[in-house]
Amino acid sequence: MLSVFSRMVAPKASSMLALTALKYPTRRTLITTAIRLQPAAAATKAKTAKTTATKKAPAKSTVTKSKAKTATKATNAQKTAKPTKTKKTVAKPTKAAAPKKKKVVAKKPKVVKPPPLTKEDLPPKGAGTPYIYFVKKYIAGVQRPLTMEATREHAKAAGATWMAMTEEEKQPFREEHRVAAEQQKKALAQWKENVDPAIVRRINKHRTKLGKPKVHAVVRRAPTSIWKSLPEAEKQVYVKQAAERKTAMA
């Protein structure tokens, strides 16, 4: 009986279950949904992959088209471009550089400085005044050592003493000055006769810088006396030169 029942019911039960599943699709079990979802997800992935592949494919074609356009433009530009003529540069013959001449620097002659003037080269100093001899005597009697301030004080005191002295008290100093002046005059005359003119020029150059008057040396011999002492034959030479100069100026 069971076998007969199973034979009759089993085929009908499977068909009934299938009908109920089709009639009510929302009422699914967890097992059936899992089995049905997995193939759906794979199918959607495959579809999206195909769509992206189809979308990306045109990009390659645009790149190739742009490359082809640029290539054609380049070829057209090469065809239209005129060939540039290259000018031949002719090398100019270079002249051989002349050897540089060495500059000859002239050596400056050494300036020989004259030796410094000594005391004997200079003219003798003046005799001064009677008051100077008095001050010398006054300072000589003062106690040593003397400072600059002490010397100034003693000089003031000597001046006051000289003003208070009488003519008789001043007479010895005046006499001393007179003797010194005569000696200085003789020494100066002797110096002027023996001094070298170059030394006189050096002295006068220095004195002009200081604003002092020049020193005049004495001419050893007058020209007239020299002319008179010359023999007649020697005089005729100068007379002839003077006559030639006179005719040239006429």
C-alpha atoms as a PDB file:
ATOM      1  CA  MET A   1       0.000   0.000   0.000  1.00  0.00           C
ATOM      2  CA  LEU A   2       2.823   2.374   0.931  1.00  0.00           C
ATOM      3  CA  SER A   3       4.592   1.715  -2.282  1.00  0.00           C
ATOM      4  CA  VAL A   4       1.485   2.344  -4.287  1.00  0.00           C
ATOM      5  CA  PHE A   5       0.892   5.555  -2.321  1.00  0.00           C
ATOM      6  CA  SER A   6       4.436   6.706  -2.806  1.00  0.00           C
ATOM      7  CA  ARG A   7       4.213   6.070  -6.494  1.00  0.00           C
ATOM      8  CA  MET A   8       1.097   8.129  -6.758  1.00  0.00           C
ATOM      9  CA  VAL A   9       1.968  10.982  -4.398  1.00  0.00           C
ATOM     10  CA  ALA A  10       5.720  11.566  -5.047  1.00  0.00           C
ATOM     11  CA  PRO A  11       5.407  12.832  -8.627  1.00  0.00           C
ATOM     12  CA  LYS A  12       2.494  15.029  -7.736  1.00  0.00           C
ATOM     13  CA  ALA A  13       4.269  16.473  -4.695  1.00  0.00           C
ATOM     14  CA  SER A  14       7.216  17.734  -6.745  1.00  0.00           C
ATOM     15  CA  SER A  15       4.935  19.352  -9.267  1.00  0.00           C
ATOM     16  CA  MET A  16       2.901  20.971  -6.526  1.00  0.00           C
ATOM     17  CA  LEU A  17       5.991  22.397  -4.906  1.00  0.00           C
ATOM     18  CA  ALA A  18       7.084  23.867  -8.193  1.00  0.00           C
ATOM     19  CA  LEU A  19       3.713  25.499  -8.730  1.00  0.00           C
ATOM     20  CA  THR A  20       3.662  27.000  -5.263  1.00  0.00           C
ATOM     21  CA  ALA A  21       7.161  28.432  -5.837  1.00  0.00           C
ATOM     22  CA  LEU A  22       6.081  30.082  -9.065  1.00  0.00           C
ATOM     23  CA  LYS A  23       2.882  31.384  -7.562  1.00  0.00           C
ATOM     24  CA  TYR A  24       4.566  32.960  -4.564  1.00  0.00           C
ATOM     25  CA  PRO A  25       8.082  34.130  -5.625  1.00  0.00           C
ATOM     26  CA  THR A  26       8.632  36.473  -2.627  1.00  0.00           C
ATOM     27  CA  ARG A  27       8.368  33.771  -0.061  1.00  0.00           C
ATOM     28  CA  ARG A  28      11.779  32.170  -0.390  1.00  0.00           C
ATOM     29  CA  THR A  29      13.902  30.297   2.007  1.00  0.00           C
ATOM     30  CA  LEU A  30      17.494  31.215   2.831  1.00  0.00           C
ATOM     31  CA  ILE A  31      18.841  28.222   0.985  1.00  0.00           C
ATOM     32  CA  THR A  32      17.060  29.042  -2.262  1.00  0.00           C
ATOM     33  CA  THR A  33      18.035  32.744  -2.166  1.00  0.00           C
ATOM     34  CA  ALA A  34      21.699  31.942  -1.668  1.00  0.00           C
ATOM     35  CA  ILE A  35      21.704  29.524  -4.535  1.00  0.00           C
ATOM     36  CA  ARG A  36      19.921  32.004  -6.809  1.00  0.00           C
ATOM     37  CA  LEU A  37      21.931  35.139  -5.794  1.00  0.00           C
ATOM     38  CA  GLN A  38      25.374  33.771  -6.578  1.00  0.00           C
ATOM     39  CA  PRO A  39      24.760  33.269 -10.261  1.00  0.00           C
ATOM     40  CA  ALA A  40      23.067  36.700 -10.488  1.00  0.00           C
ATOM     41  CA  ALA A  41      26.114  38.524  -8.993  1.00  0.00           C
ATOM     42  CA  ALA A  42      28.471  36.773 -11.379  1.00  0.00           C
ATOM     43  CA  ALA A  43      26.260  37.668 -14.273  1.00  0.00           C
ATOM     44  CA  THR A  44      26.167  41.360 -13.281  1.00  0.00           C
ATOM     45  CA  LYS A  45      29.955  41.429 -12.952  1.00  0.00           C
ATOM     46  CA  ALA A  46      30.346  39.949 -16.385  1.00  0.00           C
ATOM     47  CA  LYS A  47      27.916  42.478 -17.834  1.00  0.00           C
ATOM     48  CA  THR A  48      29.718  45.456 -16.235  1.00  0.00           C
ATOM     49  CA  ALA A  49      33.077  44.149 -17.483  1.00  0.00           C
ATOM     50  CA  LYS A  50      31.729  43.894 -21.009  1.00  0.00           C
ATOM     51  CA  THR A  51      30.231  47.393 -20.888  1.00  0.00           C
ATOM     52  CA  THR A  52      33.487  48.932 -19.616  1.00  0.00           C
ATOM     53  CA  ALA A  53      35.434  47.092 -22.281  1.00  0.00           C
ATOM     54  CA  THR A  54      33.109  48.371 -24.936  1.00  0.00           C
ATOM     55  CA  LYS A  55      33.340  51.920 -23.535  1.00  0.00           C
ATOM     56  CA  LYS A  56      37.172  51.917 -23.362  1.00  0.00           C
ATOM     57  CA  ALA A  57      37.609  50.570 -26.826  1.00  0.00           C
ATOM     58  CA  PRO A  58      36.659  53.819 -28.634  1.00  0.00           C
ATOM     59  CA  ALA A  59      39.355  55.771 -26.688  1.00  0.00           C
ATOM     60  CA  LYS A  60      42.078  53.771 -28.423  1.00  0.00           C
ATOM     61  CA  SER A  61      40.578  54.522 -31.755  1.00  0.00           C
ATOM     62  CA  THR A  62      40.549  58.300 -31.009  1.00  0.00           C
ATOM     63  CA  VAL A  63      44.204  58.209 -29.933  1.00  0.00           C
ATOM     64  CA  THR A  64      45.203  56.386 -33.069  1.00  0.00           C
ATOM     65  CA  LYS A  65      43.174  58.841 -35.160  1.00  0.00           C
ATOM     66  CA  SER A  66      44.877  61.863 -33.529  1.00  0.00           C
ATOM     67  CA  LYS A  67      48.301  60.273 -34.052  1.00  0.00           C
ATOM     68  CA  ALA A  68      47.461  59.628 -37.673  1.00  0.00           C
ATOM     69  CA  LYS A  69      46.340  63.254 -38.136  1.00  0.00           C
ATOM     70  CA  THR A  70      49.543  64.628 -36.592  1.00  0.00           C
ATOM     71  CA  ALA A  71      51.620  62.287 -38.757  1.00  0.00           C
ATOM     72  CA  THR A  72      49.847  63.460 -41.912  1.00  0.00           C
ATOM     73  CA  LYS A  73      50.289  67.111 -40.872  1.00  0.00           C
ATOM     74  CA  ALA A  74      53.988  66.531 -40.305  1.00  0.00           C
ATOM     75  CA  THR A  75      54.417  64.922 -43.713  1.00  0.00           C
ATOM     76  CA  ASN A  76      52.481  67.754 -45.374  1.00  0.00           C
ATOM     77  CA  ALA A  77      54.621  70.323 -43.564  1.00  0.00           C
ATOM     78  CA  GLN A  78      57.780  68.571 -44.720  1.00  0.00           C
ATOM     79  CA  LYS A  79      56.514  68.589 -48.302  1.00  0.00           C
ATOM     80  CA  THR A  80      55.522  72.271 -48.234  1.00  0.00           C
ATOM     81  CA  ALA A  81      58.654  73.447 -46.370  1.00  0.00           C
ATOM     82  CA  LYS A  82      61.259  74.896 -48.718  1.00  0.00           C
ATOM     83  CA  PRO A  83      64.738  73.470 -48.435  1.00  0.00           C
ATOM     84  CA  THR A  84      67.024  75.994 -46.710  1.00  0.00           C
ATOM     85  CA  LYS A  85      70.229  76.801 -48.514  1.00  0.00           C
ATOM     86  CA  THR A  86      73.317  76.443 -46.351  1.00  0.00           C
ATOM     87  CA  LYS A  87      75.872  79.142 -47.002  1.00  0.00           C
ATOM     88  CA  LYS A  88      79.429  78.025 -47.198  1.00  0.00           C
ATOM     89  CA  THR A  89      81.618  79.933 -44.758  1.00  0.00           C
ATOM     90  CA  VAL A  90      84.894  80.823 -46.397  1.00  0.00           C
ATOM     91  CA  ALA A  91      87.644  81.029 -43.819  1.00  0.00           C
ATOM     92  CA  LYS A  92      89.560  84.279 -44.128  1.00  0.00           C
ATOM     93  CA  PRO A  93      93.327  83.961 -44.140  1.00  0.00           C
ATOM     94  CA  THR A  94      94.625  84.977 -40.733  1.00  0.00           C
ATOM     95  CA  LYS A  95      97.624  87.233 -40.643  1.00  0.00           C
ATOM     96  CA  ALA A  96     100.525  86.095 -38.587  1.00  0.00           C
ATOM     97  CA  ALA A  97     100.648  88.087 -35.383  1.00  0.00           C
ATOM     98  CA  ALA A  98     103.638  90.354 -35.287  1.00  0.00           C
ATOM     99  CA  PRO A  99     105.906  89.837 -32.298  1.00  0.00           C
ATOM    100  CA  LYS A 100     105.253  92.351 -29.576  1.00  0.00           C
ATOM    101  CA  LYS A 101     107.991  94.862 -29.107  1.00  0.00           C
ATOM    102  CA  LYS A 102     109.273  95.152 -25.610  1.00  0.00           C
ATOM    103  CA  LYS A 103     108.823  98.581 -24.161  1.00  0.00           C
ATOM    104  CA  VAL A 104     112.105 100.077 -23.220  1.00  0.00           C
ATOM    105  CA  VAL A 105     111.539 101.886 -19.961  1.00  0.00           C
ATOM    106  CA  ALA A 106     114.075 104.623 -19.549  1.00  0.00           C
ATOM    107  CA  LYS A 107     115.619 104.516 -16.149  1.00  0.00           C
ATOM    108  CA  LYS A 108     115.224 107.695 -14.217  1.00  0.00           C
ATOM    109  CA  PRO A 109     118.537 109.184 -13.267  1.00  0.00           C
ATOM    110  CA  LYS A 110     119.181 109.109  -9.585  1.00  0.00           C
ATOM    111  CA  VAL A 111     118.884 112.514  -8.038  1.00  0.00           C
ATOM    112  CA  VAL A 112     121.965 113.068  -5.974  1.00  0.00           C
ATOM    113  CA  LYS A 113     121.002 115.188  -3.014  1.00  0.00           C
ATOM    114  CA  PRO A 114     123.583 117.714  -1.925  1.00  0.00           C
ATOM    115  CA  PRO A 115     125.097 117.227   1.501  1.00  0.00           C
ATOM    116  CA  PRO A 116     123.469 119.140   4.359  1.00  0.00           C
ATOM    117  CA  LEU A 117     124.871 122.546   5.167  1.00  0.00           C
ATOM    118  CA  THR A 118     127.241 122.741   8.085  1.00  0.00           C
ATOM    119  CA  LYS A 119     127.705 125.555  10.588  1.00  0.00           C
ATOM    120  CA  GLU A 120     130.733 126.810   8.658  1.00  0.00           C
ATOM    121  CA  ASP A 121     128.667 127.055   5.449  1.00  0.00           C
ATOM    122  CA  LEU A 122     126.128 129.375   7.059  1.00  0.00           C
ATOM    123  CA  PRO A 123     126.789 133.085   7.537  1.00  0.00           C
ATOM    124  CA  PRO A 124     127.758 134.221  11.061  1.00  0.00           C
ATOM    125  CA  LYS A 125     124.853 135.210  13.271  1.00  0.00           C
ATOM    126  CA  GLY A 126     124.112 138.798  14.194  1.00  0.00           C
ATOM    127  CA  ALA A 127     125.435 140.450  17.335  1.00  0.00           C
ATOM    128  CA  GLY A 128     121.969 140.950  18.849  1.00  0.00           C
ATOM    129  CA  THR A 129     121.216 143.796  21.313  1.00  0.00           C
ATOM    130  CA  PRO A 130     122.655 144.990  24.669  1.00  0.00           C
ATOM    131  CA  TYR A 131     119.526 143.626  26.421  1.00  0.00           C
ATOM    132  CA  ILE A 132     120.313 140.073  25.210  1.00  0.00           C
ATOM    133  CA  TYR A 133     123.755 140.205  26.837  1.00  0.00           C
ATOM    134  CA  PHE A 134     122.148 141.385  30.069  1.00  0.00           C
ATOM    135  CA  VAL A 135     119.564 138.522  30.029  1.00  0.00           C
ATOM    136  CA  LYS A 136     122.323 135.971  29.415  1.00  0.00           C
ATOM    137  CA  LYS A 137     124.216 137.271  32.432  1.00  0.00           C
ATOM    138  CA  TYR A 138     121.025 137.370  34.536  1.00  0.00           C
ATOM    139  CA  ILE A 139     120.016 133.768  33.704  1.00  0.00           C
ATOM    140  CA  ALA A 140     123.589 132.548  34.284  1.00  0.00           C
ATOM    141  CA  GLY A 141     123.359 133.650  37.928  1.00  0.00           C
ATOM    142  CA  VAL A 142     120.084 131.758  38.548  1.00  0.00           C
ATOM    143  CA  GLN A 143     120.076 128.458  40.412  1.00  0.00           C
ATOM    144  CA  ARG A 144     119.864 125.296  38.239  1.00  0.00           C
ATOM    145  CA  PRO A 145     118.097 123.210  36.957  1.00  0.00           C
ATOM    146  CA  LEU A 146     115.627 125.403  35.125  1.00  0.00           C
ATOM    147  CA  THR A 147     112.238 124.360  33.822  1.00  0.00           C
ATOM    148  CA  MET A 148     110.383 126.095  31.015  1.00  0.00           C
ATOM    149  CA  GLU A 149     108.066 127.860  33.441  1.00  0.00           C
ATOM    150  CA  ALA A 150     110.997 128.920  35.635  1.00  0.00           C
ATOM    151  CA  THR A 151     112.855 130.273  32.590  1.00  0.00           C
ATOM    152  CA  ARG A 152     109.825 132.344  31.577  1.00  0.00           C
ATOM    153  CA  GLU A 153     109.498 133.720  35.086  1.00  0.00           C
ATOM    154  CA  HIS A 154     113.189 134.666  35.221  1.00  0.00           C
ATOM    155  CA  ALA A 155     112.942 136.321  31.781  1.00  0.00           C
ATOM    156  CA  LYS A 156     110.047 138.487  33.032  1.00  0.00           C
ATOM    157  CA  ALA A 157     112.050 139.410  36.112  1.00  0.00           C
ATOM    158  CA  ALA A 158     115.102 140.249  33.941  1.00  0.00           C
ATOM    159  CA  GLY A 159     112.964 142.540  31.767  1.00  0.00           C
ATOM    160  CA  ALA A 160     111.642 144.378  34.823  1.00  0.00           C
ATOM    161  CA  THR A 161     115.188 144.738  36.179  1.00  0.00           C
ATOM    162  CA  TRP A 162     116.492 146.074  32.829  1.00  0.00           C
ATOM    163  CA  MET A 163     113.747 148.715  32.737  1.00  0.00           C
ATOM    164  CA  ALA A 164     114.664 149.857  36.265  1.00  0.00           C
ATOM    165  CA  MET A 165     118.408 150.143  35.509  1.00  0.00           C
ATOM    166  CA  THR A 166     120.131 153.482  34.817  1.00  0.00           C
ATOM    167  CA  GLU A 167     122.123 154.342  31.673  1.00  0.00           C
ATOM    168  CA  GLU A 168     125.401 153.926  33.532  1.00  0.00           C
ATOM    169  CA  GLU A 169     124.347 150.398  34.626  1.00  0.00           C
ATOM    170  CA  LYS A 170     123.428 149.507  31.036  1.00  0.00           C
ATOM    171  CA  GLN A 171     126.683 150.864  29.551  1.00  0.00           C
ATOM    172  CA  PRO A 172     128.817 147.708  30.084  1.00  0.00           C
ATOM    173  CA  PHE A 173     126.293 145.603  28.138  1.00  0.00           C
ATOM    174  CA  ARG A 174     126.184 148.151  25.339  1.00  0.00           C
ATOM    175  CA  GLU A 175     129.963 148.081  25.068  1.00  0.00           C
ATOM    176  CA  GLU A 176     129.903 144.288  24.936  1.00  0.00           C
ATOM    177  CA  HIS A 177     127.361 144.441  22.147  1.00  0.00           C
ATOM    178  CA  ARG A 178     129.503 146.954  20.160  1.00  0.00           C
ATOM    179  CA  VAL A 179     132.559 144.693  20.259  1.00  0.00           C
ATOM    180  CA  ALA A 180     130.494 141.650  19.223  1.00  0.00           C
ATOM    181  CA  ALA A 181     128.919 143.612  16.341  1.00  0.00           C
ATOM    182  CA  GLU A 182     132.364 144.606  14.970  1.00  0.00           C
ATOM    183  CA  GLN A 183     133.534 140.996  15.154  1.00  0.00           C
ATOM    184  CA  GLN A 184     130.399 139.773  13.422  1.00  0.00           C
ATOM    185  CA  LYS A 185     130.827 142.352  10.639  1.00  0.00           C
ATOM    186  CA  LYS A 186     134.370 141.213   9.897  1.00  0.00           C
ATOM    187  CA  ALA A 187     133.347 137.525   9.984  1.00  0.00           C
ATOM    188  CA  LEU A 188     130.451 138.170   7.581  1.00  0.00           C
ATOM    189  CA  ALA A 189     132.690 139.988   5.099  1.00  0.00           C
ATOM    190  CA  GLN A 190     135.176 137.147   5.201  1.00  0.00           C
ATOM    191  CA  TRP A 191     132.377 134.563   4.719  1.00  0.00           C
ATOM    192  CA  LYS A 192     130.982 136.408   1.681  1.00  0.00           C
ATOM    193  CA  GLU A 193     134.391 136.408  -0.020  1.00  0.00           C
ATOM    194  CA  ASN A 194     135.034 132.694   0.518  1.00  0.00           C
ATOM    195  CA  VAL A 195     131.549 131.164   0.247  1.00  0.00           C
ATOM    196  CA  ASP A 196     130.577 129.004  -2.738  1.00  0.00           C
ATOM    197  CA  PRO A 197     127.804 130.579  -4.891  1.00  0.00           C
ATOM    198  CA  ALA A 198     125.901 127.231  -4.869  1.00  0.00           C
ATOM    199  CA  ILE A 199     125.756 127.402  -1.067  1.00  0.00           C
ATOM    200  CA  VAL A 200     124.479 130.980  -1.240  1.00  0.00           C
ATOM    201  CA  ARG A 201     121.689 129.867  -3.593  1.00  0.00           C
ATOM    202  CA  ARG A 202     120.679 127.084  -1.224  1.00  0.00           C
ATOM    203  CA  ILE A 203     120.667 129.465   1.737  1.00  0.00           C
ATOM    204  CA  ASN A 204     118.599 132.073  -0.107  1.00  0.00           C
ATOM    205  CA  LYS A 205     116.101 129.425  -1.230  1.00  0.00           C
ATOM    206  CA  HIS A 206     115.551 128.440   2.381  1.00  0.00           C
ATOM    207  CA  ARG A 207     115.366 132.054   3.563  1.00  0.00           C
ATOM    208  CA  THR A 208     112.716 132.966   0.959  1.00  0.00           C
ATOM    209  CA  LYS A 209     110.542 130.121   2.268  1.00  0.00           C
ATOM    210  CA  LEU A 210     110.846 131.583   5.761  1.00  0.00           C
ATOM    211  CA  GLY A 211     110.151 135.111   4.481  1.00  0.00           C
ATOM    212  CA  LYS A 212     113.620 136.385   5.333  1.00  0.00           C
ATOM    213  CA  PRO A 213     115.764 138.638   3.099  1.00  0.00           C
ATOM    214  CA  LYS A 214     118.360 137.071   0.825  1.00  0.00           C
ATOM    215  CA  VAL A 215     122.066 136.989   1.558  1.00  0.00           C
ATOM    216  CA  HIS A 216     124.207 138.699  -1.095  1.00  0.00           C
ATOM    217  CA  ALA A 217     127.750 137.486  -1.548  1.00  0.00           C
ATOM    218  CA  VAL A 218     130.514 139.931  -2.456  1.00  0.00           C
ATOM    219  CA  VAL A 219     131.791 139.806  -6.069  1.00  0.00           C
ATOM    220  CA  ARG A 220     135.410 138.843  -5.764  1.00  0.00           C
ATOM    221  CA  ARG A 221     136.606 140.962  -8.689  1.00  0.00           C
ATOM    222  CA  ALA A 222     134.922 143.679 -10.767  1.00  0.00           C
ATOM    223  CA  PRO A 223     134.584 143.039 -14.552  1.00  0.00           C
ATOM    224  CA  THR A 224     136.360 146.307 -15.383  1.00  0.00           C
ATOM    225  CA  SER A 225     139.442 145.330 -13.469  1.00  0.00           C
ATOM    226  CA  ILE A 226     139.494 141.922 -15.206  1.00  0.00           C
ATOM    227  CA  TRP A 227     139.171 143.582 -18.643  1.00  0.00           C
ATOM    228  CA  LYS A 228     142.023 145.941 -17.939  1.00  0.00           C
ATOM    229  CA  SER A 229     144.281 143.103 -16.897  1.00  0.00           C
ATOM    230  CA  LEU A 230     143.691 141.123 -20.157  1.00  0.00           C
ATOM    231  CA  PRO A 231     146.349 141.279 -22.946  1.00  0.00           C
ATOM    232  CA  GLU A 232     145.522 143.037 -26.246  1.00  0.00           C
ATOM    233  CA  ALA A 233     145.390 139.803 -28.278  1.00  0.00           C
ATOM    234  CA  GLU A 234     142.745 138.333 -25.982  1.00  0.00           C
ATOM    235  CA  LYS A 235     140.807 141.591 -25.992  1.00  0.00           C
ATOM    236  CA  GLN A 236     140.638 141.531 -29.802  1.00  0.00           C
ATOM    237  CA  VAL A 237     138.775 138.199 -29.697  1.00  0.00           C
ATOM    238  CA  TYR A 238     135.947 139.721 -27.652  1.00  0.00           C
ATOM    239  CA  VAL A 239     135.973 142.891 -29.768  1.00  0.00           C
ATOM    240  CA  LYS A 240     135.545 140.788 -32.928  1.00  0.00           C
ATOM    241  CA  GLN A 241     132.658 138.801 -31.380  1.00  0.00           C
ATOM    242  CA  ALA A 242     130.929 142.025 -30.361  1.00  0.00           C
ATOM    243  CA  ALA A 243     131.277 143.444 -33.911  1.00  0.00           C
ATOM    244  CA  GLU A 244     129.824 140.281 -35.500  1.00  0.00           C
ATOM    245  CA  ARG A 245     126.872 140.317 -33.121  1.00  0.00           C
ATOM    246  CA  LYS A 246     126.243 143.986 -33.856  1.00  0.00           C
ATOM    247  CA  THR A 247     126.179 143.437 -37.657  1.00  0.00           C
ATOM    248  CA  ALA A 248     123.852 140.431 -37.248  1.00  0.00           C
ATOM    249  CA  MET A 249     121.354 142.480 -35.239  1.00  0.00           C
ATOM    250  CA  ALA A 250     121.453 145.427 -37.718  1.00  0.00           C
END
